[in-house]
């Protein structure tokens, strides 16, 4: 009987916790985090920008070599920010989904940048005591299928050239 009471109590507690989650409100909070992240980059506000990342965050850039820890990315970006140089990515569309525990969210967003055109940002956010923070951000340039083979050939030729150059050093 005690076991049944315990199970019943756990079921009620779990169902109450599940109903406390407001997906619409959490999506708005995540949208605010991501929008603030992009706005801080546009305004070259380094402190604000990096405060929106978890301490162990990873930033993946458009180049294959760009896999930065938060510390590494700060070292790269802060000199630009300190000169008032940022970068502007404007969200055109955003999708957000949650893990069953509702404390981790996945997102993808289409972004526009005047230099790269349409890009995609995607990643993971975690809910912290300070709100939603970005744990991983992945920035990709969108490559239309109609020109993918031609661009891929250019990338391969470039990689061969770089590899040969590195071998001769």
C-alpha atoms as a PDB file:
ATOM      1  CA  UNK A   1       0.000   0.000   0.000  1.00  0.00           C
ATOM      2  CA  UNK A   2       2.840   2.401   0.848  1.00  0.00           C
ATOM      3  CA  UNK A   3       4.328   1.738  -2.586  1.00  0.00           C
ATOM      4  CA  UNK A   4       1.032   2.610  -4.282  1.00  0.00           C
ATOM      5  CA  UNK A   5       0.760   5.840  -2.305  1.00  0.00           C
ATOM      6  CA  UNK A   6       4.338   6.732  -3.251  1.00  0.00           C
ATOM      7  CA  UNK A   7       3.695   6.024  -6.945  1.00  0.00           C
ATOM      8  CA  UNK A   8       0.446   8.009  -6.846  1.00  0.00           C
ATOM      9  CA  UNK A   9       2.237  10.946  -5.177  1.00  0.00           C
ATOM     10  CA  UNK A  10       5.022  10.857  -7.777  1.00  0.00           C
ATOM     11  CA  UNK A  11       2.511  10.787 -10.635  1.00  0.00           C
ATOM     12  CA  UNK A  12       0.615  13.781  -9.247  1.00  0.00           C
ATOM     13  CA  UNK A  13       3.840  15.709  -8.582  1.00  0.00           C
ATOM     14  CA  UNK A  14       5.159  14.946 -12.068  1.00  0.00           C
ATOM     15  CA  UNK A  15       1.905  15.962 -13.748  1.00  0.00           C
ATOM     16  CA  UNK A  16       1.806  19.203 -11.755  1.00  0.00           C
ATOM     17  CA  UNK A  17       5.356  20.022 -12.799  1.00  0.00           C
ATOM     18  CA  UNK A  18       4.534  19.311 -16.436  1.00  0.00           C
ATOM     19  CA  UNK A  19       1.576  21.695 -16.389  1.00  0.00           C
ATOM     20  CA  UNK A  20       3.757  24.483 -14.942  1.00  0.00           C
ATOM     21  CA  UNK A  21       5.716  24.575 -18.207  1.00  0.00           C
ATOM     22  CA  UNK A  22       4.388  27.245 -20.542  1.00  0.00           C
ATOM     23  CA  UNK A  23       5.874  26.499 -23.970  1.00  0.00           C
ATOM     24  CA  UNK A  24       4.701  29.797 -25.454  1.00  0.00           C
ATOM     25  CA  UNK A  25       6.285  31.801 -22.628  1.00  0.00           C
ATOM     26  CA  UNK A  26       9.530  29.793 -22.859  1.00  0.00           C
ATOM     27  CA  UNK A  27       9.675  30.241 -26.657  1.00  0.00           C
ATOM     28  CA  UNK A  28       9.303  34.001 -26.121  1.00  0.00           C
ATOM     29  CA  UNK A  29      12.137  33.948 -23.574  1.00  0.00           C
ATOM     30  CA  UNK A  30      14.357  31.999 -25.988  1.00  0.00           C
ATOM     31  CA  UNK A  31      13.440  34.345 -28.827  1.00  0.00           C
ATOM     32  CA  UNK A  32      14.467  37.268 -26.608  1.00  0.00           C
ATOM     33  CA  UNK A  33      17.792  35.567 -25.809  1.00  0.00           C
ATOM     34  CA  UNK A  34      18.598  34.886 -29.463  1.00  0.00           C
ATOM     35  CA  UNK A  35      17.458  38.337 -30.598  1.00  0.00           C
ATOM     36  CA  UNK A  36      19.551  39.956 -27.843  1.00  0.00           C
ATOM     37  CA  UNK A  37      22.530  37.819 -28.909  1.00  0.00           C
ATOM     38  CA  UNK A  38      22.310  39.059 -32.498  1.00  0.00           C
ATOM     39  CA  UNK A  39      21.628  42.650 -31.451  1.00  0.00           C
ATOM     40  CA  UNK A  40      24.647  42.670 -29.113  1.00  0.00           C
ATOM     41  CA  UNK A  41      26.827  41.482 -32.026  1.00  0.00           C
ATOM     42  CA  UNK A  42      25.406  44.217 -34.266  1.00  0.00           C
ATOM     43  CA  UNK A  43      26.139  46.869 -31.628  1.00  0.00           C
ATOM     44  CA  UNK A  44      29.561  45.343 -30.791  1.00  0.00           C
ATOM     45  CA  UNK A  45      28.492  44.914 -27.147  1.00  0.00           C
ATOM     46  CA  UNK A  46      30.914  42.182 -26.103  1.00  0.00           C
ATOM     47  CA  UNK A  47      29.886  41.924 -22.453  1.00  0.00           C
ATOM     48  CA  UNK A  48      26.217  41.494 -23.325  1.00  0.00           C
ATOM     49  CA  UNK A  49      26.994  39.121 -26.214  1.00  0.00           C
ATOM     50  CA  UNK A  50      29.102  36.740 -24.150  1.00  0.00           C
ATOM     51  CA  UNK A  51      26.786  36.909 -21.123  1.00  0.00           C
ATOM     52  CA  UNK A  52      24.208  35.073 -23.238  1.00  0.00           C
ATOM     53  CA  UNK A  53      26.509  32.049 -23.615  1.00  0.00           C
ATOM     54  CA  UNK A  54      27.042  29.334 -21.027  1.00  0.00           C
ATOM     55  CA  UNK A  55      30.555  29.139 -19.601  1.00  0.00           C
ATOM     56  CA  UNK A  56      31.206  25.943 -21.572  1.00  0.00           C
ATOM     57  CA  UNK A  57      29.576  27.194 -24.794  1.00  0.00           C
ATOM     58  CA  UNK A  58      30.886  26.242 -28.229  1.00  0.00           C
ATOM     59  CA  UNK A  59      30.595  28.498 -31.293  1.00  0.00           C
ATOM     60  CA  UNK A  60      30.857  26.871 -34.713  1.00  0.00           C
ATOM     61  CA  UNK A  61      31.566  29.340 -37.506  1.00  0.00           C
ATOM     62  CA  UNK A  62      31.222  29.023 -41.262  1.00  0.00           C
ATOM     63  CA  UNK A  63      34.834  27.899 -41.799  1.00  0.00           C
ATOM     64  CA  UNK A  64      35.724  24.285 -40.934  1.00  0.00           C
ATOM     65  CA  UNK A  65      38.475  25.571 -38.629  1.00  0.00           C
ATOM     66  CA  UNK A  66      36.056  27.660 -36.571  1.00  0.00           C
ATOM     67  CA  UNK A  67      35.187  25.579 -33.516  1.00  0.00           C
ATOM     68  CA  UNK A  68      35.661  27.888 -30.587  1.00  0.00           C
ATOM     69  CA  UNK A  69      35.128  27.574 -26.868  1.00  0.00           C
ATOM     70  CA  UNK A  70      33.609  30.642 -25.271  1.00  0.00           C
ATOM     71  CA  UNK A  71      37.083  31.721 -24.117  1.00  0.00           C
ATOM     72  CA  UNK A  72      38.585  31.269 -27.594  1.00  0.00           C
ATOM     73  CA  UNK A  73      35.690  33.054 -29.290  1.00  0.00           C
ATOM     74  CA  UNK A  74      35.964  35.951 -26.828  1.00  0.00           C
ATOM     75  CA  UNK A  75      39.671  36.287 -27.622  1.00  0.00           C
ATOM     76  CA  UNK A  76      38.791  36.444 -31.325  1.00  0.00           C
ATOM     77  CA  UNK A  77      35.747  38.750 -31.125  1.00  0.00           C
ATOM     78  CA  UNK A  78      36.523  41.244 -28.341  1.00  0.00           C
ATOM     79  CA  UNK A  79      39.241  43.098 -30.303  1.00  0.00           C
ATOM     80  CA  UNK A  80      36.665  43.741 -33.050  1.00  0.00           C
ATOM     81  CA  UNK A  81      33.964  44.712 -30.563  1.00  0.00           C
ATOM     82  CA  UNK A  82      36.342  47.094 -28.768  1.00  0.00           C
ATOM     83  CA  UNK A  83      36.777  48.942 -32.087  1.00  0.00           C
ATOM     84  CA  UNK A  84      33.010  49.176 -32.499  1.00  0.00           C
ATOM     85  CA  UNK A  85      33.049  46.489 -35.204  1.00  0.00           C
ATOM     86  CA  UNK A  86      30.321  43.916 -34.962  1.00  0.00           C
ATOM     87  CA  UNK A  87      28.337  41.797 -37.356  1.00  0.00           C
ATOM     88  CA  UNK A  88      24.679  41.863 -38.187  1.00  0.00           C
ATOM     89  CA  UNK A  89      22.502  38.818 -38.664  1.00  0.00           C
ATOM     90  CA  UNK A  90      18.760  39.435 -38.775  1.00  0.00           C
ATOM     91  CA  UNK A  91      16.415  36.544 -38.036  1.00  0.00           C
ATOM     92  CA  UNK A  92      13.895  35.846 -40.791  1.00  0.00           C
ATOM     93  CA  UNK A  93      12.414  32.674 -39.317  1.00  0.00           C
ATOM     94  CA  UNK A  94      12.985  30.693 -36.121  1.00  0.00           C
ATOM     95  CA  UNK A  95      11.977  27.229 -34.876  1.00  0.00           C
ATOM     96  CA  UNK A  96      12.313  26.102 -31.263  1.00  0.00           C
ATOM     97  CA  UNK A  97      11.724  22.702 -29.666  1.00  0.00           C
ATOM     98  CA  UNK A  98      12.233  21.341 -26.164  1.00  0.00           C
ATOM     99  CA  UNK A  99      13.493  18.145 -24.568  1.00  0.00           C
ATOM    100  CA  UNK A 100      10.916  16.253 -22.497  1.00  0.00           C
ATOM    101  CA  UNK A 101      12.387  17.737 -19.298  1.00  0.00           C
ATOM    102  CA  UNK A 102      11.863  21.243 -20.798  1.00  0.00           C
ATOM    103  CA  UNK A 103      15.239  22.512 -19.575  1.00  0.00           C
ATOM    104  CA  UNK A 104      17.049  22.186 -22.914  1.00  0.00           C
ATOM    105  CA  UNK A 105      15.894  23.710 -26.177  1.00  0.00           C
ATOM    106  CA  UNK A 106      17.003  23.231 -29.756  1.00  0.00           C
ATOM    107  CA  UNK A 107      16.629  25.940 -32.350  1.00  0.00           C
ATOM    108  CA  UNK A 108      17.251  26.716 -35.961  1.00  0.00           C
ATOM    109  CA  UNK A 109      16.875  30.112 -37.542  1.00  0.00           C
ATOM    110  CA  UNK A 110      17.196  31.570 -41.001  1.00  0.00           C
ATOM    111  CA  UNK A 111      19.232  34.758 -40.859  1.00  0.00           C
ATOM    112  CA  UNK A 112      20.091  37.472 -43.330  1.00  0.00           C
ATOM    113  CA  UNK A 113      23.560  39.016 -43.466  1.00  0.00           C
ATOM    114  CA  UNK A 114      24.524  41.657 -46.019  1.00  0.00           C
ATOM    115  CA  UNK A 115      27.847  39.927 -46.803  1.00  0.00           C
ATOM    116  CA  UNK A 116      26.765  36.272 -46.815  1.00  0.00           C
ATOM    117  CA  UNK A 117      23.087  36.544 -47.714  1.00  0.00           C
ATOM    118  CA  UNK A 118      20.876  33.845 -46.255  1.00  0.00           C
ATOM    119  CA  UNK A 119      22.487  31.884 -43.423  1.00  0.00           C
ATOM    120  CA  UNK A 120      21.304  29.396 -40.851  1.00  0.00           C
ATOM    121  CA  UNK A 121      21.989  29.521 -37.161  1.00  0.00           C
ATOM    122  CA  UNK A 122      21.228  26.463 -35.089  1.00  0.00           C
ATOM    123  CA  UNK A 123      22.081  25.216 -31.677  1.00  0.00           C
ATOM    124  CA  UNK A 124      21.196  24.387 -28.129  1.00  0.00           C
ATOM    125  CA  UNK A 125      20.077  26.505 -25.193  1.00  0.00           C
ATOM    126  CA  UNK A 126      19.914  25.474 -21.552  1.00  0.00           C
ATOM    127  CA  UNK A 127      17.679  26.950 -18.894  1.00  0.00           C
ATOM    128  CA  UNK A 128      19.768  28.422 -16.088  1.00  0.00           C
ATOM    129  CA  UNK A 129      18.979  30.405 -12.954  1.00  0.00           C
ATOM    130  CA  UNK A 130      19.685  33.522 -15.071  1.00  0.00           C
ATOM    131  CA  UNK A 131      17.345  32.411 -17.867  1.00  0.00           C
ATOM    132  CA  UNK A 132      17.999  30.696 -21.197  1.00  0.00           C
ATOM    133  CA  UNK A 133      21.631  30.666 -22.322  1.00  0.00           C
ATOM    134  CA  UNK A 134      23.212  29.459 -25.536  1.00  0.00           C
ATOM    135  CA  UNK A 135      25.302  26.327 -25.059  1.00  0.00           C
ATOM    136  CA  UNK A 136      26.134  25.753 -28.713  1.00  0.00           C
ATOM    137  CA  UNK A 137      25.709  28.010 -31.726  1.00  0.00           C
ATOM    138  CA  UNK A 138      26.343  26.839 -35.275  1.00  0.00           C
ATOM    139  CA  UNK A 139      26.429  29.379 -38.108  1.00  0.00           C
ATOM    140  CA  UNK A 140      26.190  28.063 -41.670  1.00  0.00           C
ATOM    141  CA  UNK A 141      26.026  29.722 -45.064  1.00  0.00           C
ATOM    142  CA  UNK A 142      23.118  28.394 -47.102  1.00  0.00           C
ATOM    143  CA  UNK A 143      24.231  26.723 -50.310  1.00  0.00           C
ATOM    144  CA  UNK A 144      21.496  26.344 -52.945  1.00  0.00           C
ATOM    145  CA  UNK A 145      21.375  22.813 -54.380  1.00  0.00           C
ATOM    146  CA  UNK A 146      21.417  24.197 -57.932  1.00  0.00           C
ATOM    147  CA  UNK A 147      24.992  25.466 -57.487  1.00  0.00           C
ATOM    148  CA  UNK A 148      26.228  23.056 -54.802  1.00  0.00           C
ATOM    149  CA  UNK A 149      28.344  20.890 -57.147  1.00  0.00           C
ATOM    150  CA  UNK A 150      30.129  23.915 -58.633  1.00  0.00           C
ATOM    151  CA  UNK A 151      30.804  25.458 -55.220  1.00  0.00           C
ATOM    152  CA  UNK A 152      31.919  22.086 -53.815  1.00  0.00           C
ATOM    153  CA  UNK A 153      34.465  21.777 -56.635  1.00  0.00           C
ATOM    154  CA  UNK A 154      35.791  25.254 -55.778  1.00  0.00           C
ATOM    155  CA  UNK A 155      36.041  24.310 -52.100  1.00  0.00           C
ATOM    156  CA  UNK A 156      37.868  21.064 -52.924  1.00  0.00           C
ATOM    157  CA  UNK A 157      40.313  22.896 -55.224  1.00  0.00           C
ATOM    158  CA  UNK A 158      40.943  25.451 -52.478  1.00  0.00           C
ATOM    159  CA  UNK A 159      41.531  22.722 -49.889  1.00  0.00           C
ATOM    160  CA  UNK A 160      44.017  20.946 -52.174  1.00  0.00           C
ATOM    161  CA  UNK A 161      45.868  24.254 -52.718  1.00  0.00           C
ATOM    162  CA  UNK A 162      46.005  24.961 -48.968  1.00  0.00           C
ATOM    163  CA  UNK A 163      47.146  21.419 -48.183  1.00  0.00           C
ATOM    164  CA  UNK A 164      49.950  21.633 -50.781  1.00  0.00           C
ATOM    165  CA  UNK A 165      50.978  25.006 -49.401  1.00  0.00           C
ATOM    166  CA  UNK A 166      51.088  23.601 -45.856  1.00  0.00           C
ATOM    167  CA  UNK A 167      53.096  20.562 -46.987  1.00  0.00           C
ATOM    168  CA  UNK A 168      55.773  22.759 -48.562  1.00  0.00           C
ATOM    169  CA  UNK A 169      56.378  24.668 -45.325  1.00  0.00           C
END
